[in-house]
């Protein structure tokens, strides 16, 4: 069963909110919102974006959105400062969701120290057999390989979550704390598709923290989802 998006009017209305660049509203078969993914410019506090989305949904469509299903990723316009993509500042948390800075993915990366401080993707395999799909992700860090796999339903809308789970399992020896996938999806931003991932990090003697990551598709959605997971955790992975 494909991912359902039965509220296109709400999606289009959310896109008209100042600062919102893209929106995806995932629904149940009864057209009830289950996930709301927002891609926004960093000019407005993420909490304010969430409140604006909730107010619009309630006032115009009589839909009471739970703030916990709304995730906000803030990315600066890559054309704002010439040809070089800009790295956004960390926005204020939206409903306890904190967006870490986006890793610069340009081919002319010159920060060798930054690259060696983080794992890279060596291989991703997604196999479907009957009613099950298995995702395997292999990462390389400090000349060592770390692999993880996750198995779930074969439906295509489960694939981003499975890839995200497999990536987290591969990262487990490097993280040192439990991390779980909250949501993983691929949304359309203008003419581009962007993988958005939200994960929850359980820190001892502290409240659980949700962080988000994003990555523009460069040919395959599985690769983008894995890179989005690394983006979400880049600070923890680099110490």
C-alpha atoms as a PDB file:
ATOM      1  CA  UNK A   1       0.000   0.000   0.000  1.00  0.00           C
ATOM      2  CA  UNK A   2       1.569   3.332  -1.047  1.00  0.00           C
ATOM      3  CA  UNK A   3       1.965   6.284   1.289  1.00  0.00           C
ATOM      4  CA  UNK A   4      -1.364   8.121   1.463  1.00  0.00           C
ATOM      5  CA  UNK A   5      -1.566  11.882   0.993  1.00  0.00           C
ATOM      6  CA  UNK A   6      -5.294  12.537   1.002  1.00  0.00           C
ATOM      7  CA  UNK A   7      -5.177  16.203   2.060  1.00  0.00           C
ATOM      8  CA  UNK A   8      -3.654  18.033  -0.922  1.00  0.00           C
ATOM      9  CA  UNK A   9      -5.592  21.213  -0.063  1.00  0.00           C
ATOM     10  CA  UNK A  10      -3.985  21.294   3.397  1.00  0.00           C
ATOM     11  CA  UNK A  11      -0.529  20.691   1.890  1.00  0.00           C
ATOM     12  CA  UNK A  12      -1.001  23.559  -0.558  1.00  0.00           C
ATOM     13  CA  UNK A  13      -2.269  25.878   2.190  1.00  0.00           C
ATOM     14  CA  UNK A  14       0.730  25.079   4.410  1.00  0.00           C
ATOM     15  CA  UNK A  15       3.063  25.928   1.515  1.00  0.00           C
ATOM     16  CA  UNK A  16       1.582  29.459   1.521  1.00  0.00           C
ATOM     17  CA  UNK A  17       2.765  30.111   5.096  1.00  0.00           C
ATOM     18  CA  UNK A  18       5.669  32.593   4.987  1.00  0.00           C
ATOM     19  CA  UNK A  19       8.976  30.782   5.330  1.00  0.00           C
ATOM     20  CA  UNK A  20       7.619  27.375   4.308  1.00  0.00           C
ATOM     21  CA  UNK A  21       9.305  26.022   1.180  1.00  0.00           C
ATOM     22  CA  UNK A  22       7.714  22.565   0.994  1.00  0.00           C
ATOM     23  CA  UNK A  23       5.188  20.462   2.880  1.00  0.00           C
ATOM     24  CA  UNK A  24       4.105  16.843   2.885  1.00  0.00           C
ATOM     25  CA  UNK A  25       1.087  15.605   4.862  1.00  0.00           C
ATOM     26  CA  UNK A  26       0.935  11.824   5.246  1.00  0.00           C
ATOM     27  CA  UNK A  27      -2.529  10.526   6.109  1.00  0.00           C
ATOM     28  CA  UNK A  28      -4.358   7.391   7.150  1.00  0.00           C
ATOM     29  CA  UNK A  29      -6.940   5.798   4.899  1.00  0.00           C
ATOM     30  CA  UNK A  30      -9.514   7.948   6.730  1.00  0.00           C
ATOM     31  CA  UNK A  31      -7.677  11.117   5.626  1.00  0.00           C
ATOM     32  CA  UNK A  32      -6.416  11.786   9.160  1.00  0.00           C
ATOM     33  CA  UNK A  33      -2.911  13.349   9.283  1.00  0.00           C
ATOM     34  CA  UNK A  34      -0.308  10.969  10.732  1.00  0.00           C
ATOM     35  CA  UNK A  35       2.893  12.807   9.735  1.00  0.00           C
ATOM     36  CA  UNK A  36       3.490  16.401   8.650  1.00  0.00           C
ATOM     37  CA  UNK A  37       6.928  17.184   7.185  1.00  0.00           C
ATOM     38  CA  UNK A  38       7.877  20.818   6.693  1.00  0.00           C
ATOM     39  CA  UNK A  39      10.918  22.208   4.876  1.00  0.00           C
ATOM     40  CA  UNK A  40      11.373  25.863   5.864  1.00  0.00           C
ATOM     41  CA  UNK A  41      13.788  28.743   5.609  1.00  0.00           C
ATOM     42  CA  UNK A  42      15.652  29.524   8.856  1.00  0.00           C
ATOM     43  CA  UNK A  43      14.253  33.067   9.204  1.00  0.00           C
ATOM     44  CA  UNK A  44      11.447  32.012  11.569  1.00  0.00           C
ATOM     45  CA  UNK A  45      11.761  29.991  14.782  1.00  0.00           C
ATOM     46  CA  UNK A  46      10.801  26.372  14.158  1.00  0.00           C
ATOM     47  CA  UNK A  47       8.333  26.436  17.077  1.00  0.00           C
ATOM     48  CA  UNK A  48       6.545  29.344  15.396  1.00  0.00           C
ATOM     49  CA  UNK A  49       6.347  27.384  12.136  1.00  0.00           C
ATOM     50  CA  UNK A  50       4.685  24.486  13.975  1.00  0.00           C
ATOM     51  CA  UNK A  51       2.188  26.840  15.664  1.00  0.00           C
ATOM     52  CA  UNK A  52       1.361  28.481  12.322  1.00  0.00           C
ATOM     53  CA  UNK A  53       0.718  25.067  10.753  1.00  0.00           C
ATOM     54  CA  UNK A  54      -1.510  24.030  13.672  1.00  0.00           C
ATOM     55  CA  UNK A  55      -3.469  27.296  13.557  1.00  0.00           C
ATOM     56  CA  UNK A  56      -4.017  27.097   9.809  1.00  0.00           C
ATOM     57  CA  UNK A  57      -5.164  23.460   9.949  1.00  0.00           C
ATOM     58  CA  UNK A  58      -7.627  24.176  12.756  1.00  0.00           C
ATOM     59  CA  UNK A  59      -8.996  27.484  11.470  1.00  0.00           C
ATOM     60  CA  UNK A  60      -9.401  26.561   7.811  1.00  0.00           C
ATOM     61  CA  UNK A  61      -9.967  22.794   7.855  1.00  0.00           C
ATOM     62  CA  UNK A  62     -11.098  22.083  11.452  1.00  0.00           C
ATOM     63  CA  UNK A  63      -8.146  19.674  11.848  1.00  0.00           C
ATOM     64  CA  UNK A  64      -6.521  19.597  15.291  1.00  0.00           C
ATOM     65  CA  UNK A  65      -2.892  18.659  14.566  1.00  0.00           C
ATOM     66  CA  UNK A  66      -0.804  17.118  17.340  1.00  0.00           C
ATOM     67  CA  UNK A  67       2.499  19.024  17.453  1.00  0.00           C
ATOM     68  CA  UNK A  68       4.318  15.696  17.881  1.00  0.00           C
ATOM     69  CA  UNK A  69       3.546  14.652  14.290  1.00  0.00           C
ATOM     70  CA  UNK A  70       4.913  17.898  12.828  1.00  0.00           C
ATOM     71  CA  UNK A  71       8.630  17.874  11.971  1.00  0.00           C
ATOM     72  CA  UNK A  72      10.419  20.961  10.699  1.00  0.00           C
ATOM     73  CA  UNK A  73      13.730  21.014   8.828  1.00  0.00           C
ATOM     74  CA  UNK A  74      15.211  24.430   8.128  1.00  0.00           C
ATOM     75  CA  UNK A  75      17.623  24.809   5.196  1.00  0.00           C
ATOM     76  CA  UNK A  76      18.934  28.030   3.733  1.00  0.00           C
ATOM     77  CA  UNK A  77      18.458  28.720   0.037  1.00  0.00           C
ATOM     78  CA  UNK A  78      21.535  27.352  -1.736  1.00  0.00           C
ATOM     79  CA  UNK A  79      21.458  30.280  -4.174  1.00  0.00           C
ATOM     80  CA  UNK A  80      21.401  32.930  -1.448  1.00  0.00           C
ATOM     81  CA  UNK A  81      25.175  33.272  -1.246  1.00  0.00           C
ATOM     82  CA  UNK A  82      26.261  32.617  -4.806  1.00  0.00           C
ATOM     83  CA  UNK A  83      27.276  29.173  -6.017  1.00  0.00           C
ATOM     84  CA  UNK A  84      28.281  27.681  -2.651  1.00  0.00           C
ATOM     85  CA  UNK A  85      25.578  25.991  -0.558  1.00  0.00           C
ATOM     86  CA  UNK A  86      25.118  27.681   2.793  1.00  0.00           C
ATOM     87  CA  UNK A  87      25.219  25.799   6.076  1.00  0.00           C
ATOM     88  CA  UNK A  88      22.188  26.895   8.158  1.00  0.00           C
ATOM     89  CA  UNK A  89      22.348  27.882  11.792  1.00  0.00           C
ATOM     90  CA  UNK A  90      20.712  25.573  14.318  1.00  0.00           C
ATOM     91  CA  UNK A  91      17.034  26.629  14.614  1.00  0.00           C
ATOM     92  CA  UNK A  92      15.104  26.737  17.835  1.00  0.00           C
ATOM     93  CA  UNK A  93      13.456  23.366  18.625  1.00  0.00           C
ATOM     94  CA  UNK A  94      10.016  22.716  17.206  1.00  0.00           C
ATOM     95  CA  UNK A  95       7.959  20.584  19.550  1.00  0.00           C
ATOM     96  CA  UNK A  96      11.206  19.204  20.993  1.00  0.00           C
ATOM     97  CA  UNK A  97      12.617  18.609  17.494  1.00  0.00           C
ATOM     98  CA  UNK A  98      16.064  20.084  16.887  1.00  0.00           C
ATOM     99  CA  UNK A  99      17.462  20.399  13.380  1.00  0.00           C
ATOM    100  CA  UNK A 100      21.222  19.913  13.258  1.00  0.00           C
ATOM    101  CA  UNK A 101      23.203  21.760  10.568  1.00  0.00           C
ATOM    102  CA  UNK A 102      23.181  20.154   7.139  1.00  0.00           C
ATOM    103  CA  UNK A 103      26.426  18.511   6.056  1.00  0.00           C
ATOM    104  CA  UNK A 104      27.888  20.232   3.002  1.00  0.00           C
ATOM    105  CA  UNK A 105      27.621  17.584   0.287  1.00  0.00           C
ATOM    106  CA  UNK A 106      29.451  19.438  -2.499  1.00  0.00           C
ATOM    107  CA  UNK A 107      32.103  17.547  -4.432  1.00  0.00           C
ATOM    108  CA  UNK A 108      34.704  20.251  -3.791  1.00  0.00           C
ATOM    109  CA  UNK A 109      34.714  19.667  -0.010  1.00  0.00           C
ATOM    110  CA  UNK A 110      38.032  20.887   1.392  1.00  0.00           C
ATOM    111  CA  UNK A 111      37.587  20.106   5.099  1.00  0.00           C
ATOM    112  CA  UNK A 112      39.534  16.844   5.227  1.00  0.00           C
ATOM    113  CA  UNK A 113      39.422  16.710   9.003  1.00  0.00           C
ATOM    114  CA  UNK A 114      35.621  16.938   8.960  1.00  0.00           C
ATOM    115  CA  UNK A 115      35.342  14.100   6.439  1.00  0.00           C
ATOM    116  CA  UNK A 116      37.597  11.744   8.404  1.00  0.00           C
ATOM    117  CA  UNK A 117      35.681  12.452  11.618  1.00  0.00           C
ATOM    118  CA  UNK A 118      32.467  10.955  10.305  1.00  0.00           C
ATOM    119  CA  UNK A 119      31.452   7.622   8.799  1.00  0.00           C
ATOM    120  CA  UNK A 120      30.752   7.324   5.092  1.00  0.00           C
ATOM    121  CA  UNK A 121      28.429   5.041   3.164  1.00  0.00           C
ATOM    122  CA  UNK A 122      30.144   2.048   1.568  1.00  0.00           C
ATOM    123  CA  UNK A 123      27.129   0.082   0.318  1.00  0.00           C
ATOM    124  CA  UNK A 124      23.341  -0.071   0.545  1.00  0.00           C
ATOM    125  CA  UNK A 125      21.301  -3.072  -0.532  1.00  0.00           C
ATOM    126  CA  UNK A 126      17.520  -3.353  -0.512  1.00  0.00           C
ATOM    127  CA  UNK A 127      16.045  -6.779  -1.275  1.00  0.00           C
ATOM    128  CA  UNK A 128      12.367  -7.695  -1.572  1.00  0.00           C
ATOM    129  CA  UNK A 129      11.190 -11.268  -1.319  1.00  0.00           C
ATOM    130  CA  UNK A 130       7.503 -12.019  -1.153  1.00  0.00           C
ATOM    131  CA  UNK A 131       5.940  -9.859   1.543  1.00  0.00           C
ATOM    132  CA  UNK A 132       9.238  -8.802   3.164  1.00  0.00           C
ATOM    133  CA  UNK A 133      11.928  -6.261   2.364  1.00  0.00           C
ATOM    134  CA  UNK A 134      15.407  -6.288   3.873  1.00  0.00           C
ATOM    135  CA  UNK A 135      17.621  -3.215   3.899  1.00  0.00           C
ATOM    136  CA  UNK A 136      21.367  -3.551   4.522  1.00  0.00           C
ATOM    137  CA  UNK A 137      23.667  -0.578   5.062  1.00  0.00           C
ATOM    138  CA  UNK A 138      27.462  -0.750   5.315  1.00  0.00           C
ATOM    139  CA  UNK A 139      29.425   2.215   6.643  1.00  0.00           C
ATOM    140  CA  UNK A 140      33.160   2.889   6.779  1.00  0.00           C
ATOM    141  CA  UNK A 141      34.759   4.727   9.675  1.00  0.00           C
ATOM    142  CA  UNK A 142      38.473   4.835  10.591  1.00  0.00           C
ATOM    143  CA  UNK A 143      39.187   2.060   8.066  1.00  0.00           C
ATOM    144  CA  UNK A 144      36.613  -0.227   9.715  1.00  0.00           C
ATOM    145  CA  UNK A 145      33.301  -1.420   8.308  1.00  0.00           C
ATOM    146  CA  UNK A 146      30.063  -1.330  10.268  1.00  0.00           C
ATOM    147  CA  UNK A 147      26.983  -3.075   8.882  1.00  0.00           C
ATOM    148  CA  UNK A 148      23.353  -3.057   9.871  1.00  0.00           C
ATOM    149  CA  UNK A 149      20.176  -4.601   8.491  1.00  0.00           C
ATOM    150  CA  UNK A 150      16.446  -4.251   9.068  1.00  0.00           C
ATOM    151  CA  UNK A 151      13.523  -6.337   7.822  1.00  0.00           C
ATOM    152  CA  UNK A 152       9.952  -5.158   7.365  1.00  0.00           C
ATOM    153  CA  UNK A 153       6.910  -5.156   5.082  1.00  0.00           C
ATOM    154  CA  UNK A 154       7.509  -5.047   1.350  1.00  0.00           C
ATOM    155  CA  UNK A 155       5.253  -2.029   0.753  1.00  0.00           C
ATOM    156  CA  UNK A 156       7.263   0.787  -0.804  1.00  0.00           C
ATOM    157  CA  UNK A 157       6.306   3.391   1.805  1.00  0.00           C
ATOM    158  CA  UNK A 158       8.091   1.293   4.466  1.00  0.00           C
ATOM    159  CA  UNK A 159      11.407   1.458   2.585  1.00  0.00           C
ATOM    160  CA  UNK A 160      12.686   4.817   3.977  1.00  0.00           C
ATOM    161  CA  UNK A 161      12.109   3.686   7.578  1.00  0.00           C
ATOM    162  CA  UNK A 162      13.838   0.340   6.966  1.00  0.00           C
ATOM    163  CA  UNK A 163      16.882   2.032   5.440  1.00  0.00           C
ATOM    164  CA  UNK A 164      16.983   4.487   8.352  1.00  0.00           C
ATOM    165  CA  UNK A 165      16.758   1.631  10.878  1.00  0.00           C
ATOM    166  CA  UNK A 166      19.529  -0.318   9.133  1.00  0.00           C
ATOM    167  CA  UNK A 167      21.724   2.797   9.150  1.00  0.00           C
ATOM    168  CA  UNK A 168      21.169   3.282  12.890  1.00  0.00           C
ATOM    169  CA  UNK A 169      22.031  -0.371  13.575  1.00  0.00           C
ATOM    170  CA  UNK A 170      25.282   0.078  11.647  1.00  0.00           C
ATOM    171  CA  UNK A 171      26.000   3.234  13.662  1.00  0.00           C
ATOM    172  CA  UNK A 172      25.209   1.638  17.026  1.00  0.00           C
ATOM    173  CA  UNK A 173      28.859   0.794  17.951  1.00  0.00           C
ATOM    174  CA  UNK A 174      29.837   4.409  17.218  1.00  0.00           C
ATOM    175  CA  UNK A 175      27.018   6.191  18.997  1.00  0.00           C
ATOM    176  CA  UNK A 176      27.154   4.747  22.506  1.00  0.00           C
ATOM    177  CA  UNK A 177      23.520   5.684  23.242  1.00  0.00           C
ATOM    178  CA  UNK A 178      20.182   4.241  22.049  1.00  0.00           C
ATOM    179  CA  UNK A 179      18.717   5.926  18.981  1.00  0.00           C
ATOM    180  CA  UNK A 180      15.370   5.122  17.357  1.00  0.00           C
ATOM    181  CA  UNK A 181      13.709   6.203  14.122  1.00  0.00           C
ATOM    182  CA  UNK A 182      10.707   8.492  14.618  1.00  0.00           C
ATOM    183  CA  UNK A 183       9.947   9.074  10.956  1.00  0.00           C
ATOM    184  CA  UNK A 184      11.563   8.793   7.553  1.00  0.00           C
ATOM    185  CA  UNK A 185      10.107  10.082   4.313  1.00  0.00           C
ATOM    186  CA  UNK A 186      10.982  11.453   0.899  1.00  0.00           C
ATOM    187  CA  UNK A 187       9.256  14.712  -0.032  1.00  0.00           C
ATOM    188  CA  UNK A 188       9.268  16.900  -3.124  1.00  0.00           C
ATOM    189  CA  UNK A 189      10.809  20.359  -2.848  1.00  0.00           C
ATOM    190  CA  UNK A 190      10.230  22.256  -6.055  1.00  0.00           C
ATOM    191  CA  UNK A 191      11.939  20.138  -8.692  1.00  0.00           C
ATOM    192  CA  UNK A 192      13.983  18.153  -6.160  1.00  0.00           C
ATOM    193  CA  UNK A 193      13.235  15.240  -3.878  1.00  0.00           C
ATOM    194  CA  UNK A 194      14.566  15.427  -0.319  1.00  0.00           C
ATOM    195  CA  UNK A 195      14.875  12.664   2.286  1.00  0.00           C
ATOM    196  CA  UNK A 196      13.777  13.815   5.751  1.00  0.00           C
ATOM    197  CA  UNK A 197      14.530  11.750   8.851  1.00  0.00           C
ATOM    198  CA  UNK A 198      13.722  12.362  12.518  1.00  0.00           C
ATOM    199  CA  UNK A 199      15.403  10.193  15.179  1.00  0.00           C
ATOM    200  CA  UNK A 200      15.208  10.159  18.979  1.00  0.00           C
ATOM    201  CA  UNK A 201      18.440  10.023  20.973  1.00  0.00           C
ATOM    202  CA  UNK A 202      18.154   8.646  24.528  1.00  0.00           C
ATOM    203  CA  UNK A 203      20.787  10.376  26.653  1.00  0.00           C
ATOM    204  CA  UNK A 204      21.424   8.993  30.177  1.00  0.00           C
ATOM    205  CA  UNK A 205      20.126  11.244  32.974  1.00  0.00           C
ATOM    206  CA  UNK A 206      18.565  13.592  30.439  1.00  0.00           C
ATOM    207  CA  UNK A 207      15.358  13.879  28.477  1.00  0.00           C
ATOM    208  CA  UNK A 208      15.212  12.114  25.125  1.00  0.00           C
ATOM    209  CA  UNK A 209      16.073  14.466  22.273  1.00  0.00           C
ATOM    210  CA  UNK A 210      14.704  14.344  18.748  1.00  0.00           C
ATOM    211  CA  UNK A 211      16.960  15.519  15.937  1.00  0.00           C
ATOM    212  CA  UNK A 212      16.308  15.761  12.224  1.00  0.00           C
ATOM    213  CA  UNK A 213      18.420  15.372   9.127  1.00  0.00           C
ATOM    214  CA  UNK A 214      17.923  15.872   5.410  1.00  0.00           C
ATOM    215  CA  UNK A 215      19.607  14.972   2.144  1.00  0.00           C
ATOM    216  CA  UNK A 216      18.783  15.782  -1.459  1.00  0.00           C
ATOM    217  CA  UNK A 217      18.303  12.707  -3.660  1.00  0.00           C
ATOM    218  CA  UNK A 218      21.267  12.068  -5.935  1.00  0.00           C
ATOM    219  CA  UNK A 219      19.717   9.177  -7.823  1.00  0.00           C
ATOM    220  CA  UNK A 220      18.434   6.746  -5.191  1.00  0.00           C
ATOM    221  CA  UNK A 221      16.096   7.323  -2.270  1.00  0.00           C
ATOM    222  CA  UNK A 222      17.819   4.706  -0.061  1.00  0.00           C
ATOM    223  CA  UNK A 223      21.154   6.521  -0.357  1.00  0.00           C
ATOM    224  CA  UNK A 224      19.475   9.831   0.481  1.00  0.00           C
ATOM    225  CA  UNK A 225      17.747   8.389   3.550  1.00  0.00           C
ATOM    226  CA  UNK A 226      21.029   6.946   4.866  1.00  0.00           C
ATOM    227  CA  UNK A 227      22.744  10.304   4.337  1.00  0.00           C
ATOM    228  CA  UNK A 228      19.871  12.042   6.119  1.00  0.00           C
ATOM    229  CA  UNK A 229      20.422   9.793   9.163  1.00  0.00           C
ATOM    230  CA  UNK A 230      24.122  10.690   9.167  1.00  0.00           C
ATOM    231  CA  UNK A 231      23.173  14.350   8.820  1.00  0.00           C
ATOM    232  CA  UNK A 232      20.885  14.111  11.865  1.00  0.00           C
ATOM    233  CA  UNK A 233      23.658  12.602  13.973  1.00  0.00           C
ATOM    234  CA  UNK A 234      26.703  14.387  12.565  1.00  0.00           C
ATOM    235  CA  UNK A 235      27.478  16.287  15.774  1.00  0.00           C
ATOM    236  CA  UNK A 236      27.330  13.218  17.979  1.00  0.00           C
ATOM    237  CA  UNK A 237      29.405  11.190  15.494  1.00  0.00           C
ATOM    238  CA  UNK A 238      32.113  13.861  15.276  1.00  0.00           C
ATOM    239  CA  UNK A 239      32.296  14.221  19.041  1.00  0.00           C
END
